PDB file of all heavy atoms in Angstrom:
ATOM      1  N   ALA A   1     -14.282  13.482  43.546  1.00  0.00           N
ATOM      2  CA  ALA A   1     -13.152  13.404  42.608  1.00  0.00           C
ATOM      3  C   ALA A   1     -13.616  12.937  41.232  1.00  0.00           C
ATOM      4  O   ALA A   1     -13.161  13.457  40.204  1.00  0.00           O
ATOM      5  CB  ALA A   1     -12.082  12.463  43.164  1.00  0.00           C
ATOM      6  N   LEU A   2     -14.518  11.973  41.182  1.00  0.00           N
ATOM      7  CA  LEU A   2     -15.039  11.518  39.897  1.00  0.00           C
ATOM      8  C   LEU A   2     -15.825  12.618  39.199  1.00  0.00           C
ATOM      9  O   LEU A   2     -15.807  12.726  37.965  1.00  0.00           O
ATOM     10  CB  LEU A   2     -15.925  10.287  40.098  1.00  0.00           C
ATOM     11  CG  LEU A   2     -15.203   8.982  40.419  1.00  0.00           C
ATOM     12  CD1 LEU A   2     -16.197   7.916  40.864  1.00  0.00           C
ATOM     13  CD2 LEU A   2     -14.402   8.503  39.213  1.00  0.00           C
ATOM     14  N   HIS A   3     -16.508  13.442  39.978  1.00  0.00           N
ATOM     15  CA  HIS A   3     -17.268  14.555  39.406  1.00  0.00           C
ATOM     16  C   HIS A   3     -16.344  15.652  38.890  1.00  0.00           C
ATOM     17  O   HIS A   3     -16.562  16.190  37.795  1.00  0.00           O
ATOM     18  CB  HIS A   3     -18.222  15.126  40.461  1.00  0.00           C
ATOM     19  CG  HIS A   3     -18.947  16.351  40.026  1.00  0.00           C
ATOM     20  ND1 HIS A   3     -19.886  16.348  39.010  1.00  0.00           N
ATOM     21  CD2 HIS A   3     -18.865  17.645  40.468  1.00  0.00           C
ATOM     22  CE1 HIS A   3     -20.364  17.573  38.839  1.00  0.00           C
ATOM     23  NE2 HIS A   3     -19.754  18.379  39.712  1.00  0.00           N
ATOM     24  N   GLU A   4     -15.324  15.978  39.677  1.00  0.00           N
ATOM     25  CA  GLU A   4     -14.436  17.077  39.296  1.00  0.00           C
ATOM     26  C   GLU A   4     -13.356  16.665  38.309  1.00  0.00           C
ATOM     27  O   GLU A   4     -12.757  17.513  37.650  1.00  0.00           O
ATOM     28  CB  GLU A   4     -13.792  17.665  40.559  1.00  0.00           C
ATOM     29  CG  GLU A   4     -14.801  18.329  41.492  1.00  0.00           C
ATOM     30  CD  GLU A   4     -14.161  19.045  42.657  1.00  0.00           C
ATOM     31  OE1 GLU A   4     -13.005  18.679  43.019  1.00  0.00           O
ATOM     32  OE2 GLU A   4     -14.789  19.960  43.207  1.00  0.00           O
ATOM     33  N   HIS A   5     -13.111  15.365  38.198  1.00  0.00           N
ATOM     34  CA  HIS A   5     -12.106  14.845  37.256  1.00  0.00           C
ATOM     35  C   HIS A   5     -12.759  13.741  36.422  1.00  0.00           C
ATOM     36  O   HIS A   5     -12.388  12.557  36.542  1.00  0.00           O
ATOM     37  CB  HIS A   5     -10.892  14.319  38.013  1.00  0.00           C
ATOM     38  CG  HIS A   5     -10.278  15.314  38.952  1.00  0.00           C
ATOM     39  ND1 HIS A   5      -9.396  16.284  38.536  1.00  0.00           N
ATOM     40  CD2 HIS A   5     -10.455  15.503  40.298  1.00  0.00           C
ATOM     41  CE1 HIS A   5      -9.041  17.022  39.581  1.00  0.00           C
ATOM     42  NE2 HIS A   5      -9.670  16.565  40.651  1.00  0.00           N
ATOM     43  N   PRO A   6     -13.720  14.085  35.575  1.00  0.00           N
ATOM     44  CA  PRO A   6     -14.474  13.061  34.835  1.00  0.00           C
ATOM     45  C   PRO A   6     -13.605  12.198  33.938  1.00  0.00           C
ATOM     46  O   PRO A   6     -13.981  11.068  33.615  1.00  0.00           O
ATOM     47  CB  PRO A   6     -15.484  13.874  34.023  1.00  0.00           C
ATOM     48  CG  PRO A   6     -14.923  15.267  33.973  1.00  0.00           C
ATOM     49  CD  PRO A   6     -14.177  15.451  35.254  1.00  0.00           C
ATOM     50  N   GLU A   7     -12.439  12.703  33.553  1.00  0.00           N
ATOM     51  CA  GLU A   7     -11.542  11.908  32.717  1.00  0.00           C
ATOM     52  C   GLU A   7     -11.040  10.670  33.448  1.00  0.00           C
ATOM     53  O   GLU A   7     -10.638   9.674  32.821  1.00  0.00           O
ATOM     54  CB  GLU A   7     -10.349  12.755  32.258  1.00  0.00           C
ATOM     55  CG  GLU A   7      -9.290  13.059  33.307  1.00  0.00           C
ATOM     56  CD  GLU A   7      -9.681  14.126  34.327  1.00  0.00           C
ATOM     57  OE1 GLU A   7     -10.775  14.723  34.170  1.00  0.00           O
ATOM     58  OE2 GLU A   7      -8.903  14.373  35.272  1.00  0.00           O
ATOM     59  N   GLN A   8     -11.080  10.694  34.777  1.00  0.00           N
ATOM     60  CA  GLN A   8     -10.615   9.551  35.557  1.00  0.00           C
ATOM     61  C   GLN A   8     -11.558   8.355  35.441  1.00  0.00           C
ATOM     62  O   GLN A   8     -11.130   7.204  35.554  1.00  0.00           O
ATOM     63  CB  GLN A   8     -10.469   9.936  37.032  1.00  0.00           C
ATOM     64  CG  GLN A   8      -9.337  10.911  37.320  1.00  0.00           C
ATOM     65  CD  GLN A   8      -7.970  10.274  37.155  1.00  0.00           C
ATOM     66  OE1 GLN A   8      -7.825   9.052  37.215  1.00  0.00           O
ATOM     67  NE2 GLN A   8      -6.968  11.110  36.949  1.00  0.00           N
ATOM     68  N   ARG A   9     -12.848   8.621  35.211  1.00  0.00           N
ATOM     69  CA  ARG A   9     -13.818   7.542  35.173  1.00  0.00           C
ATOM     70  C   ARG A   9     -13.468   6.518  34.097  1.00  0.00           C
ATOM     71  O   ARG A   9     -13.559   5.303  34.314  1.00  0.00           O
ATOM     72  CB  ARG A   9     -15.211   8.120  34.918  1.00  0.00           C
ATOM     73  CG  ARG A   9     -16.355   7.132  35.093  1.00  0.00           C
ATOM     74  CD  ARG A   9     -17.686   7.814  34.809  1.00  0.00           C
ATOM     75  NE  ARG A   9     -17.929   8.930  35.701  1.00  0.00           N
ATOM     76  CZ  ARG A   9     -18.572   8.835  36.860  1.00  0.00           C
ATOM     77  NH1 ARG A   9     -19.045   7.647  37.240  1.00  0.00           N
ATOM     78  NH2 ARG A   9     -18.760   9.885  37.620  1.00  0.00           N
ATOM     79  N   ALA A  10     -13.047   6.990  32.933  1.00  0.00           N
ATOM     80  CA  ALA A  10     -12.725   6.084  31.829  1.00  0.00           C
ATOM     81  C   ALA A  10     -11.474   5.257  32.112  1.00  0.00           C
ATOM     82  O   ALA A  10     -11.252   4.223  31.467  1.00  0.00           O
ATOM     83  CB  ALA A  10     -12.539   6.884  30.541  1.00  0.00           C
ATOM     84  N   ARG A  11     -10.670   5.689  33.089  1.00  0.00           N
ATOM     85  CA  ARG A  11      -9.430   4.976  33.397  1.00  0.00           C
ATOM     86  C   ARG A  11      -9.640   3.846  34.404  1.00  0.00           C
ATOM     87  O   ARG A  11      -8.720   3.040  34.621  1.00  0.00           O
ATOM     88  CB  ARG A  11      -8.386   5.959  33.938  1.00  0.00           C
ATOM     89  CG  ARG A  11      -8.025   7.067  32.940  1.00  0.00           C
ATOM     90  CD  ARG A  11      -7.107   8.098  33.576  1.00  0.00           C
ATOM     91  NE  ARG A  11      -6.850   9.201  32.659  1.00  0.00           N
ATOM     92  CZ  ARG A  11      -6.185  10.319  32.980  1.00  0.00           C
ATOM     93  NH1 ARG A  11      -5.716  10.448  34.214  1.00  0.00           N
ATOM     94  NH2 ARG A  11      -6.009  11.268  32.094  1.00  0.00           N
ATOM     95  N   LEU A  12     -10.810   3.796  35.013  1.00  0.00           N
ATOM     96  CA  LEU A  12     -11.056   2.799  36.058  1.00  0.00           C
ATOM     97  C   LEU A  12     -11.483   1.478  35.426  1.00  0.00           C
ATOM     98  O   LEU A  12     -12.589   0.978  35.640  1.00  0.00           O
ATOM     99  CB  LEU A  12     -12.123   3.310  37.020  1.00  0.00           C
ATOM    100  CG  LEU A  12     -11.762   4.586  37.784  1.00  0.00           C
ATOM    101  CD1 LEU A  12     -12.948   5.078  38.611  1.00  0.00           C
ATOM    102  CD2 LEU A  12     -10.553   4.357  38.684  1.00  0.00           C
ATOM    103  N   THR A  13     -10.577   0.902  34.672  1.00  0.00           N
ATOM    104  CA  THR A  13     -10.899  -0.309  33.904  1.00  0.00           C
ATOM    105  C   THR A  13     -10.322  -1.575  34.510  1.00  0.00           C
ATOM    106  O   THR A  13     -10.623  -2.671  34.035  1.00  0.00           O
ATOM    107  CB  THR A  13     -10.368  -0.154  32.461  1.00  0.00           C
ATOM    108  OG1 THR A  13      -8.951   0.110  32.512  1.00  0.00           O
ATOM    109  CG2 THR A  13     -11.074   0.991  31.739  1.00  0.00           C
ATOM    110  N   ASP A  14      -9.502  -1.451  35.536  1.00  0.00           N
ATOM    111  CA  ASP A  14      -8.910  -2.642  36.146  1.00  0.00           C
ATOM    112  C   ASP A  14      -8.637  -2.382  37.618  1.00  0.00           C
ATOM    113  O   ASP A  14      -8.767  -1.256  38.108  1.00  0.00           O
ATOM    114  CB  ASP A  14      -7.627  -3.057  35.420  1.00  0.00           C
ATOM    115  CG  ASP A  14      -6.608  -1.928  35.341  1.00  0.00           C
ATOM    116  OD1 ASP A  14      -6.377  -1.242  36.360  1.00  0.00           O
ATOM    117  OD2 ASP A  14      -6.042  -1.718  34.254  1.00  0.00           O
ATOM    118  N   ASP A  15      -8.270  -3.428  38.336  1.00  0.00           N
ATOM    119  CA  ASP A  15      -8.044  -3.321  39.777  1.00  0.00           C
ATOM    120  C   ASP A  15      -6.927  -2.338  40.118  1.00  0.00           C
ATOM    121  O   ASP A  15      -7.001  -1.630  41.124  1.00  0.00           O
ATOM    122  CB  ASP A  15      -7.714  -4.702  40.358  1.00  0.00           C
ATOM    123  CG  ASP A  15      -8.904  -5.641  40.341  1.00  0.00           C
ATOM    124  OD1 ASP A  15     -10.034  -5.162  40.144  1.00  0.00           O
ATOM    125  OD2 ASP A  15      -8.696  -6.864  40.516  1.00  0.00           O
ATOM    126  N   GLU A  16      -5.909  -2.296  39.282  1.00  0.00           N
ATOM    127  CA  GLU A  16      -4.788  -1.397  39.552  1.00  0.00           C
ATOM    128  C   GLU A  16      -5.221   0.058  39.458  1.00  0.00           C
ATOM    129  O   GLU A  16      -4.838   0.892  40.288  1.00  0.00           O
ATOM    130  CB  GLU A  16      -3.643  -1.674  38.577  1.00  0.00           C
ATOM    131  CG  GLU A  16      -2.434  -0.759  38.719  1.00  0.00           C
ATOM    132  CD  GLU A  16      -1.686  -0.938  40.046  1.00  0.00           C
ATOM    133  OE1 GLU A  16      -2.037  -1.843  40.824  1.00  0.00           O
ATOM    134  OE2 GLU A  16      -0.752  -0.154  40.290  1.00  0.00           O
ATOM    135  N   ALA A  17      -6.038   0.386  38.476  1.00  0.00           N
ATOM    136  CA  ALA A  17      -6.524   1.759  38.329  1.00  0.00           C
ATOM    137  C   ALA A  17      -7.407   2.146  39.514  1.00  0.00           C
ATOM    138  O   ALA A  17      -7.323   3.273  40.027  1.00  0.00           O
ATOM    139  CB  ALA A  17      -7.285   1.909  37.017  1.00  0.00           C
ATOM    140  N   VAL A  18      -8.244   1.223  39.956  1.00  0.00           N
ATOM    141  CA  VAL A  18      -9.096   1.487  41.121  1.00  0.00           C
ATOM    142  C   VAL A  18      -8.239   1.674  42.364  1.00  0.00           C
ATOM    143  O   VAL A  18      -8.481   2.570  43.184  1.00  0.00           O
ATOM    144  CB  VAL A  18     -10.112   0.344  41.312  1.00  0.00           C
ATOM    145  CG1 VAL A  18     -10.814   0.469  42.655  1.00  0.00           C
ATOM    146  CG2 VAL A  18     -11.126   0.339  40.176  1.00  0.00           C
ATOM    147  N   ARG A  19      -7.204   0.844  42.511  1.00  0.00           N
ATOM    148  CA  ARG A  19      -6.316   0.943  43.674  1.00  0.00           C
ATOM    149  C   ARG A  19      -5.638   2.302  43.728  1.00  0.00           C
ATOM    150  O   ARG A  19      -5.608   2.954  44.785  1.00  0.00           O
ATOM    151  CB  ARG A  19      -5.255  -0.154  43.629  1.00  0.00           C
ATOM    152  CG  ARG A  19      -4.294  -0.144  44.822  1.00  0.00           C
ATOM    153  CD  ARG A  19      -3.093  -1.049  44.597  1.00  0.00           C
ATOM    154  NE  ARG A  19      -2.205  -0.537  43.559  1.00  0.00           N
ATOM    155  CZ  ARG A  19      -1.295   0.428  43.771  1.00  0.00           C
ATOM    156  NH1 ARG A  19      -1.175   0.987  44.970  1.00  0.00           N
ATOM    157  NH2 ARG A  19      -0.524   0.823  42.782  1.00  0.00           N
ATOM    158  N   THR A  20      -5.089   2.754  42.610  1.00  0.00           N
ATOM    159  CA  THR A  20      -4.362   4.024  42.604  1.00  0.00           C
ATOM    160  C   THR A  20      -5.308   5.202  42.834  1.00  0.00           C
ATOM    161  O   THR A  20      -4.949   6.165  43.522  1.00  0.00           O
ATOM    162  CB  THR A  20      -3.589   4.201  41.295  1.00  0.00           C
ATOM    163  OG1 THR A  20      -4.501   4.184  40.178  1.00  0.00           O
ATOM    164  CG2 THR A  20      -2.558   3.103  41.104  1.00  0.00           C
ATOM    165  N   PHE A  21      -6.512   5.106  42.288  1.00  0.00           N
ATOM    166  CA  PHE A  21      -7.491   6.168  42.493  1.00  0.00           C
ATOM    167  C   PHE A  21      -7.856   6.265  43.977  1.00  0.00           C
ATOM    168  O   PHE A  21      -7.900   7.360  44.556  1.00  0.00           O
ATOM    169  CB  PHE A  21      -8.743   5.890  41.657  1.00  0.00           C
ATOM    170  CG  PHE A  21      -9.756   7.005  41.675  1.00  0.00           C
ATOM    171  CD1 PHE A  21      -9.731   7.996  40.709  1.00  0.00           C
ATOM    172  CD2 PHE A  21     -10.732   7.060  42.660  1.00  0.00           C
ATOM    173  CE1 PHE A  21     -10.672   9.026  40.721  1.00  0.00           C
ATOM    174  CE2 PHE A  21     -11.664   8.077  42.690  1.00  0.00           C
ATOM    175  CZ  PHE A  21     -11.640   9.063  41.710  1.00  0.00           C
ATOM    176  N   ALA A  22      -8.108   5.120  44.602  1.00  0.00           N
ATOM    177  CA  ALA A  22      -8.468   5.113  46.020  1.00  0.00           C
ATOM    178  C   ALA A  22      -7.333   5.659  46.884  1.00  0.00           C
ATOM    179  O   ALA A  22      -7.577   6.430  47.831  1.00  0.00           O
ATOM    180  CB  ALA A  22      -8.839   3.699  46.456  1.00  0.00           C
ATOM    181  N   GLN A  23      -6.110   5.298  46.580  1.00  0.00           N
ATOM    182  CA  GLN A  23      -4.983   5.803  47.361  1.00  0.00           C
ATOM    183  C   GLN A  23      -4.840   7.320  47.216  1.00  0.00           C
ATOM    184  O   GLN A  23      -4.529   8.022  48.181  1.00  0.00           O
ATOM    185  CB  GLN A  23      -3.682   5.108  46.932  1.00  0.00           C
ATOM    186  CG  GLN A  23      -3.579   3.647  47.333  1.00  0.00           C
ATOM    187  CD  GLN A  23      -3.368   3.462  48.822  1.00  0.00           C
ATOM    188  OE1 GLN A  23      -4.127   3.971  49.640  1.00  0.00           O
ATOM    189  NE2 GLN A  23      -2.331   2.729  49.194  1.00  0.00           N
ATOM    190  N   GLU A  24      -5.079   7.834  46.012  1.00  0.00           N
ATOM    191  CA  GLU A  24      -4.968   9.277  45.827  1.00  0.00           C
ATOM    192  C   GLU A  24      -6.090  10.016  46.553  1.00  0.00           C
ATOM    193  O   GLU A  24      -5.879  11.114  47.064  1.00  0.00           O
ATOM    194  CB  GLU A  24      -4.976   9.620  44.333  1.00  0.00           C
ATOM    195  CG  GLU A  24      -4.814  11.103  44.019  1.00  0.00           C
ATOM    196  CD  GLU A  24      -3.439  11.689  44.349  1.00  0.00           C
ATOM    197  OE1 GLU A  24      -2.674  11.069  45.127  1.00  0.00           O
ATOM    198  OE2 GLU A  24      -3.113  12.773  43.830  1.00  0.00           O
ATOM    199  N   VAL A  25      -7.274   9.417  46.629  1.00  0.00           N
ATOM    200  CA  VAL A  25      -8.342   9.999  47.436  1.00  0.00           C
ATOM    201  C   VAL A  25      -7.891  10.095  48.891  1.00  0.00           C
ATOM    202  O   VAL A  25      -8.067  11.133  49.545  1.00  0.00           O
ATOM    203  CB  VAL A  25      -9.636   9.160  47.315  1.00  0.00           C
ATOM    204  CG1 VAL A  25     -10.648   9.572  48.384  1.00  0.00           C
ATOM    205  CG2 VAL A  25     -10.249   9.310  45.927  1.00  0.00           C
ATOM    206  N   ARG A  26      -7.288   9.047  49.415  1.00  0.00           N
ATOM    207  CA  ARG A  26      -6.828   9.045  50.798  1.00  0.00           C
ATOM    208  C   ARG A  26      -5.729  10.079  51.028  1.00  0.00           C
ATOM    209  O   ARG A  26      -5.641  10.684  52.106  1.00  0.00           O
ATOM    210  CB  ARG A  26      -6.310   7.657  51.197  1.00  0.00           C
ATOM    211  CG  ARG A  26      -7.382   6.580  51.183  1.00  0.00           C
ATOM    212  CD  ARG A  26      -6.778   5.203  51.512  1.00  0.00           C
ATOM    213  NE  ARG A  26      -6.346   5.130  52.894  1.00  0.00           N
ATOM    214  CZ  ARG A  26      -5.137   4.785  53.289  1.00  0.00           C
ATOM    215  NH1 ARG A  26      -4.202   4.458  52.404  1.00  0.00           N
ATOM    216  NH2 ARG A  26      -4.836   4.729  54.557  1.00  0.00           N
ATOM    217  N   ARG A  27      -4.881  10.287  50.041  1.00  0.00           N
ATOM    218  CA  ARG A  27      -3.801  11.259  50.189  1.00  0.00           C
ATOM    219  C   ARG A  27      -4.293  12.689  50.036  1.00  0.00           C
ATOM    220  O   ARG A  27      -3.957  13.576  50.826  1.00  0.00           O
ATOM    221  CB  ARG A  27      -2.706  11.005  49.135  1.00  0.00           C
ATOM    222  CG  ARG A  27      -1.496  11.943  49.293  1.00  0.00           C
ATOM    223  CD  ARG A  27      -0.699  12.070  48.010  1.00  0.00           C
ATOM    224  NE  ARG A  27      -1.418  12.796  46.972  1.00  0.00           N
ATOM    225  CZ  ARG A  27      -1.480  14.122  46.882  1.00  0.00           C
ATOM    226  NH1 ARG A  27      -0.905  14.889  47.786  1.00  0.00           N
ATOM    227  NH2 ARG A  27      -2.148  14.687  45.892  1.00  0.00           N
ATOM    228  N   PHE A  28      -5.088  12.927  49.010  1.00  0.00           N
ATOM    229  CA  PHE A  28      -5.405  14.294  48.599  1.00  0.00           C
ATOM    230  C   PHE A  28      -6.418  14.967  49.514  1.00  0.00           C
ATOM    231  O   PHE A  28      -6.254  16.127  49.895  1.00  0.00           O
ATOM    232  CB  PHE A  28      -5.947  14.271  47.171  1.00  0.00           C
ATOM    233  CG  PHE A  28      -6.237  15.635  46.604  1.00  0.00           C
ATOM    234  CD1 PHE A  28      -5.210  16.427  46.117  1.00  0.00           C
ATOM    235  CD2 PHE A  28      -7.530  16.123  46.557  1.00  0.00           C
ATOM    236  CE1 PHE A  28      -5.469  17.685  45.592  1.00  0.00           C
ATOM    237  CE2 PHE A  28      -7.802  17.376  46.031  1.00  0.00           C
ATOM    238  CZ  PHE A  28      -6.769  18.158  45.550  1.00  0.00           C
ATOM    239  N   TYR A  29      -7.454  14.234  49.885  1.00  0.00           N
ATOM    240  CA  TYR A  29      -8.537  14.851  50.645  1.00  0.00           C
ATOM    241  C   TYR A  29      -8.269  14.786  52.143  1.00  0.00           C
ATOM    242  O   TYR A  29      -7.571  13.897  52.626  1.00  0.00           O
ATOM    243  CB  TYR A  29      -9.867  14.190  50.297  1.00  0.00           C
ATOM    244  CG  TYR A  29     -10.319  14.497  48.889  1.00  0.00           C
ATOM    245  CD1 TYR A  29     -10.109  13.589  47.856  1.00  0.00           C
ATOM    246  CD2 TYR A  29     -10.926  15.719  48.583  1.00  0.00           C
ATOM    247  CE1 TYR A  29     -10.504  13.876  46.558  1.00  0.00           C
ATOM    248  CE2 TYR A  29     -11.322  16.009  47.283  1.00  0.00           C
ATOM    249  CZ  TYR A  29     -11.113  15.087  46.277  1.00  0.00           C
ATOM    250  OH  TYR A  29     -11.490  15.384  44.990  1.00  0.00           O
ATOM    251  N   ALA A  30      -8.863  15.729  52.849  1.00  0.00           N
ATOM    252  CA  ALA A  30      -8.603  15.876  54.281  1.00  0.00           C
ATOM    253  C   ALA A  30      -9.447  14.890  55.083  1.00  0.00           C
ATOM    254  O   ALA A  30     -10.664  14.838  54.938  1.00  0.00           O
ATOM    255  CB  ALA A  30      -8.912  17.307  54.714  1.00  0.00           C
ATOM    256  N   PHE A  31      -8.797  14.129  55.958  1.00  0.00           N
ATOM    257  CA  PHE A  31      -9.501  13.221  56.863  1.00  0.00           C
ATOM    258  C   PHE A  31      -9.331  13.801  58.270  1.00  0.00           C
ATOM    259  O   PHE A  31      -9.850  14.850  58.569  1.00  0.00           O
ATOM    260  CB  PHE A  31      -8.951  11.804  56.710  1.00  0.00           C
ATOM    261  CG  PHE A  31      -9.856  10.716  57.215  1.00  0.00           C
ATOM    262  CD1 PHE A  31     -11.170  10.640  56.789  1.00  0.00           C
ATOM    263  CD2 PHE A  31      -9.392   9.756  58.089  1.00  0.00           C
ATOM    264  CE1 PHE A  31     -12.018   9.623  57.244  1.00  0.00           C
ATOM    265  CE2 PHE A  31     -10.221   8.732  58.548  1.00  0.00           C
ATOM    266  CZ  PHE A  31     -11.534   8.676  58.122  1.00  0.00           C
ATOM    267  N   PHE A  32      -8.576  13.178  59.148  1.00  0.00           N
ATOM    268  CA  PHE A  32      -8.296  13.803  60.432  1.00  0.00           C
ATOM    269  C   PHE A  32      -6.989  14.579  60.327  1.00  0.00           C
ATOM    270  O   PHE A  32      -6.030  14.112  59.702  1.00  0.00           O
ATOM    271  CB  PHE A  32      -8.249  12.767  61.545  1.00  0.00           C
ATOM    272  CG  PHE A  32      -9.614  12.265  61.918  1.00  0.00           C
ATOM    273  CD1 PHE A  32     -10.043  11.021  61.511  1.00  0.00           C
ATOM    274  CD2 PHE A  32     -10.472  13.071  62.640  1.00  0.00           C
ATOM    275  CE1 PHE A  32     -11.318  10.571  61.837  1.00  0.00           C
ATOM    276  CE2 PHE A  32     -11.751  12.644  62.965  1.00  0.00           C
ATOM    277  CZ  PHE A  32     -12.179  11.384  62.554  1.00  0.00           C
ATOM    278  N   PRO A  33      -6.907  15.781  60.943  1.00  0.00           N
ATOM    279  CA  PRO A  33      -5.776  16.671  60.674  1.00  0.00           C
ATOM    280  C   PRO A  33      -4.468  16.302  61.357  1.00  0.00           C
ATOM    281  O   PRO A  33      -3.398  16.382  60.742  1.00  0.00           O
ATOM    282  CB  PRO A  33      -6.284  18.033  61.159  1.00  0.00           C
ATOM    283  CG  PRO A  33      -7.340  17.713  62.170  1.00  0.00           C
ATOM    284  CD  PRO A  33      -7.977  16.420  61.718  1.00  0.00           C
ATOM    285  N   VAL A  34      -4.531  15.926  62.649  1.00  0.00           N
ATOM    286  CA  VAL A  34      -3.304  15.672  63.404  1.00  0.00           C
ATOM    287  C   VAL A  34      -3.507  14.488  64.326  1.00  0.00           C
ATOM    288  O   VAL A  34      -4.638  14.082  64.620  1.00  0.00           O
ATOM    289  CB  VAL A  34      -2.876  16.900  64.251  1.00  0.00           C
ATOM    290  CG1 VAL A  34      -2.589  18.106  63.377  1.00  0.00           C
ATOM    291  CG2 VAL A  34      -3.929  17.223  65.302  1.00  0.00           C
ATOM    292  N   VAL A  35      -2.394  13.946  64.801  1.00  0.00           N
ATOM    293  CA  VAL A  35      -2.415  12.933  65.848  1.00  0.00           C
ATOM    294  C   VAL A  35      -1.375  13.347  66.888  1.00  0.00           C
ATOM    295  O   VAL A  35      -0.331  13.904  66.542  1.00  0.00           O
ATOM    296  CB  VAL A  35      -2.130  11.528  65.272  1.00  0.00           C
ATOM    297  CG1 VAL A  35      -0.742  11.445  64.666  1.00  0.00           C
ATOM    298  CG2 VAL A  35      -2.323  10.454  66.329  1.00  0.00           C
ATOM    299  N   GLY A  36      -1.689  13.105  68.161  1.00  0.00           N
ATOM    300  CA  GLY A  36      -0.812  13.584  69.223  1.00  0.00           C
ATOM    301  C   GLY A  36      -0.178  12.466  70.027  1.00  0.00           C
ATOM    302  O   GLY A  36      -0.690  11.350  70.088  1.00  0.00           O
ATOM    303  N   GLY A  37       0.934  12.787  70.661  1.00  0.00           N
ATOM    304  CA  GLY A  37       1.611  11.854  71.557  1.00  0.00           C
ATOM    305  C   GLY A  37       2.398  12.612  72.611  1.00  0.00           C
ATOM    306  O   GLY A  37       2.737  13.787  72.429  1.00  0.00           O
ATOM    307  N   ARG A  38       2.656  11.960  73.714  1.00  0.00           N
ATOM    308  CA  ARG A  38       3.537  12.491  74.758  1.00  0.00           C
ATOM    309  C   ARG A  38       4.817  11.679  74.762  1.00  0.00           C
ATOM    310  O   ARG A  38       4.788  10.441  74.682  1.00  0.00           O
ATOM    311  CB  ARG A  38       2.864  12.388  76.137  1.00  0.00           C
ATOM    312  CG  ARG A  38       1.628  13.252  76.289  1.00  0.00           C
ATOM    313  CD  ARG A  38       1.985  14.669  76.644  1.00  0.00           C
ATOM    314  NE  ARG A  38       0.782  15.487  76.861  1.00  0.00           N
ATOM    315  CZ  ARG A  38       0.816  16.742  77.263  1.00  0.00           C
ATOM    316  NH1 ARG A  38       1.976  17.341  77.516  1.00  0.00           N
ATOM    317  NH2 ARG A  38      -0.303  17.428  77.428  1.00  0.00           N
ATOM    318  N   VAL A  39       5.944  12.356  74.855  1.00  0.00           N
ATOM    319  CA  VAL A  39       7.234  11.673  74.806  1.00  0.00           C
ATOM    320  C   VAL A  39       7.372  10.741  76.006  1.00  0.00           C
ATOM    321  O   VAL A  39       7.219  11.166  77.155  1.00  0.00           O
ATOM    322  CB  VAL A  39       8.390  12.681  74.773  1.00  0.00           C
ATOM    323  CG1 VAL A  39       9.733  11.954  74.801  1.00  0.00           C
ATOM    324  CG2 VAL A  39       8.287  13.565  73.529  1.00  0.00           C
ATOM    325  N   ALA A  40       7.630   9.465  75.720  1.00  0.00           N
ATOM    326  CA  ALA A  40       7.839   8.471  76.779  1.00  0.00           C
ATOM    327  C   ALA A  40       9.316   8.128  76.930  1.00  0.00           C
ATOM    328  O   ALA A  40       9.777   7.833  78.030  1.00  0.00           O
ATOM    329  CB  ALA A  40       7.047   7.204  76.486  1.00  0.00           C
ATOM    330  N   GLU A  41      10.043   8.143  75.820  1.00  0.00           N
ATOM    331  CA  GLU A  41      11.488   7.896  75.829  1.00  0.00           C
ATOM    332  C   GLU A  41      12.183   9.089  75.184  1.00  0.00           C
ATOM    333  O   GLU A  41      11.906   9.431  74.032  1.00  0.00           O
ATOM    334  CB  GLU A  41      11.826   6.622  75.040  1.00  0.00           C
ATOM    335  CG  GLU A  41      11.354   5.343  75.700  1.00  0.00           C
ATOM    336  CD  GLU A  41      11.788   4.113  74.923  1.00  0.00           C
ATOM    337  OE1 GLU A  41      12.369   4.288  73.809  1.00  0.00           O
ATOM    338  OE2 GLU A  41      11.557   2.990  75.395  1.00  0.00           O
ATOM    339  N   GLU A  42      13.069   9.732  75.910  1.00  0.00           N
ATOM    340  CA  GLU A  42      13.774  10.914  75.426  1.00  0.00           C
ATOM    341  C   GLU A  42      14.511  10.604  74.119  1.00  0.00           C
ATOM    342  O   GLU A  42      15.122   9.545  73.971  1.00  0.00           O
ATOM    343  CB  GLU A  42      14.758  11.372  76.493  1.00  0.00           C
ATOM    344  CG  GLU A  42      15.467  12.671  76.187  1.00  0.00           C
ATOM    345  CD  GLU A  42      16.346  13.121  77.348  1.00  0.00           C
ATOM    346  OE1 GLU A  42      15.779  13.448  78.424  1.00  0.00           O
ATOM    347  OE2 GLU A  42      17.583  13.116  77.179  1.00  0.00           O
ATOM    348  N   PHE A  43      14.434  11.535  73.161  1.00  0.00           N
ATOM    349  CA  PHE A  43      15.158  11.367  71.897  1.00  0.00           C
ATOM    350  C   PHE A  43      15.552  12.738  71.359  1.00  0.00           C
ATOM    351  O   PHE A  43      15.044  13.774  71.800  1.00  0.00           O
ATOM    352  CB  PHE A  43      14.318  10.597  70.873  1.00  0.00           C
ATOM    353  CG  PHE A  43      13.112  11.340  70.348  1.00  0.00           C
ATOM    354  CD1 PHE A  43      13.162  11.996  69.121  1.00  0.00           C
ATOM    355  CD2 PHE A  43      11.925  11.374  71.074  1.00  0.00           C
ATOM    356  CE1 PHE A  43      12.047  12.684  68.632  1.00  0.00           C
ATOM    357  CE2 PHE A  43      10.805  12.044  70.589  1.00  0.00           C
ATOM    358  CZ  PHE A  43      10.866  12.698  69.364  1.00  0.00           C
ATOM    359  N   THR A  44      16.480  12.736  70.407  1.00  0.00           N
ATOM    360  CA  THR A  44      16.980  13.980  69.817  1.00  0.00           C
ATOM    361  C   THR A  44      16.711  13.987  68.326  1.00  0.00           C
ATOM    362  O   THR A  44      16.945  12.988  67.635  1.00  0.00           O
ATOM    363  CB  THR A  44      18.489  14.142  70.082  1.00  0.00           C
ATOM    364  OG1 THR A  44      18.718  14.151  71.499  1.00  0.00           O
ATOM    365  CG2 THR A  44      19.017  15.427  69.473  1.00  0.00           C
TER     366      THR A  44
END
């Protein structure tokens, strides 16, 4: 992300900017695709 969005580097001047950048990395990029479960209590 820093390579493809070099303008972001200059914005990483405080903890808040680092926090928001890290959260967007977690949102934008693919980690694990799905999580599964089996229904234990019926619901609608």
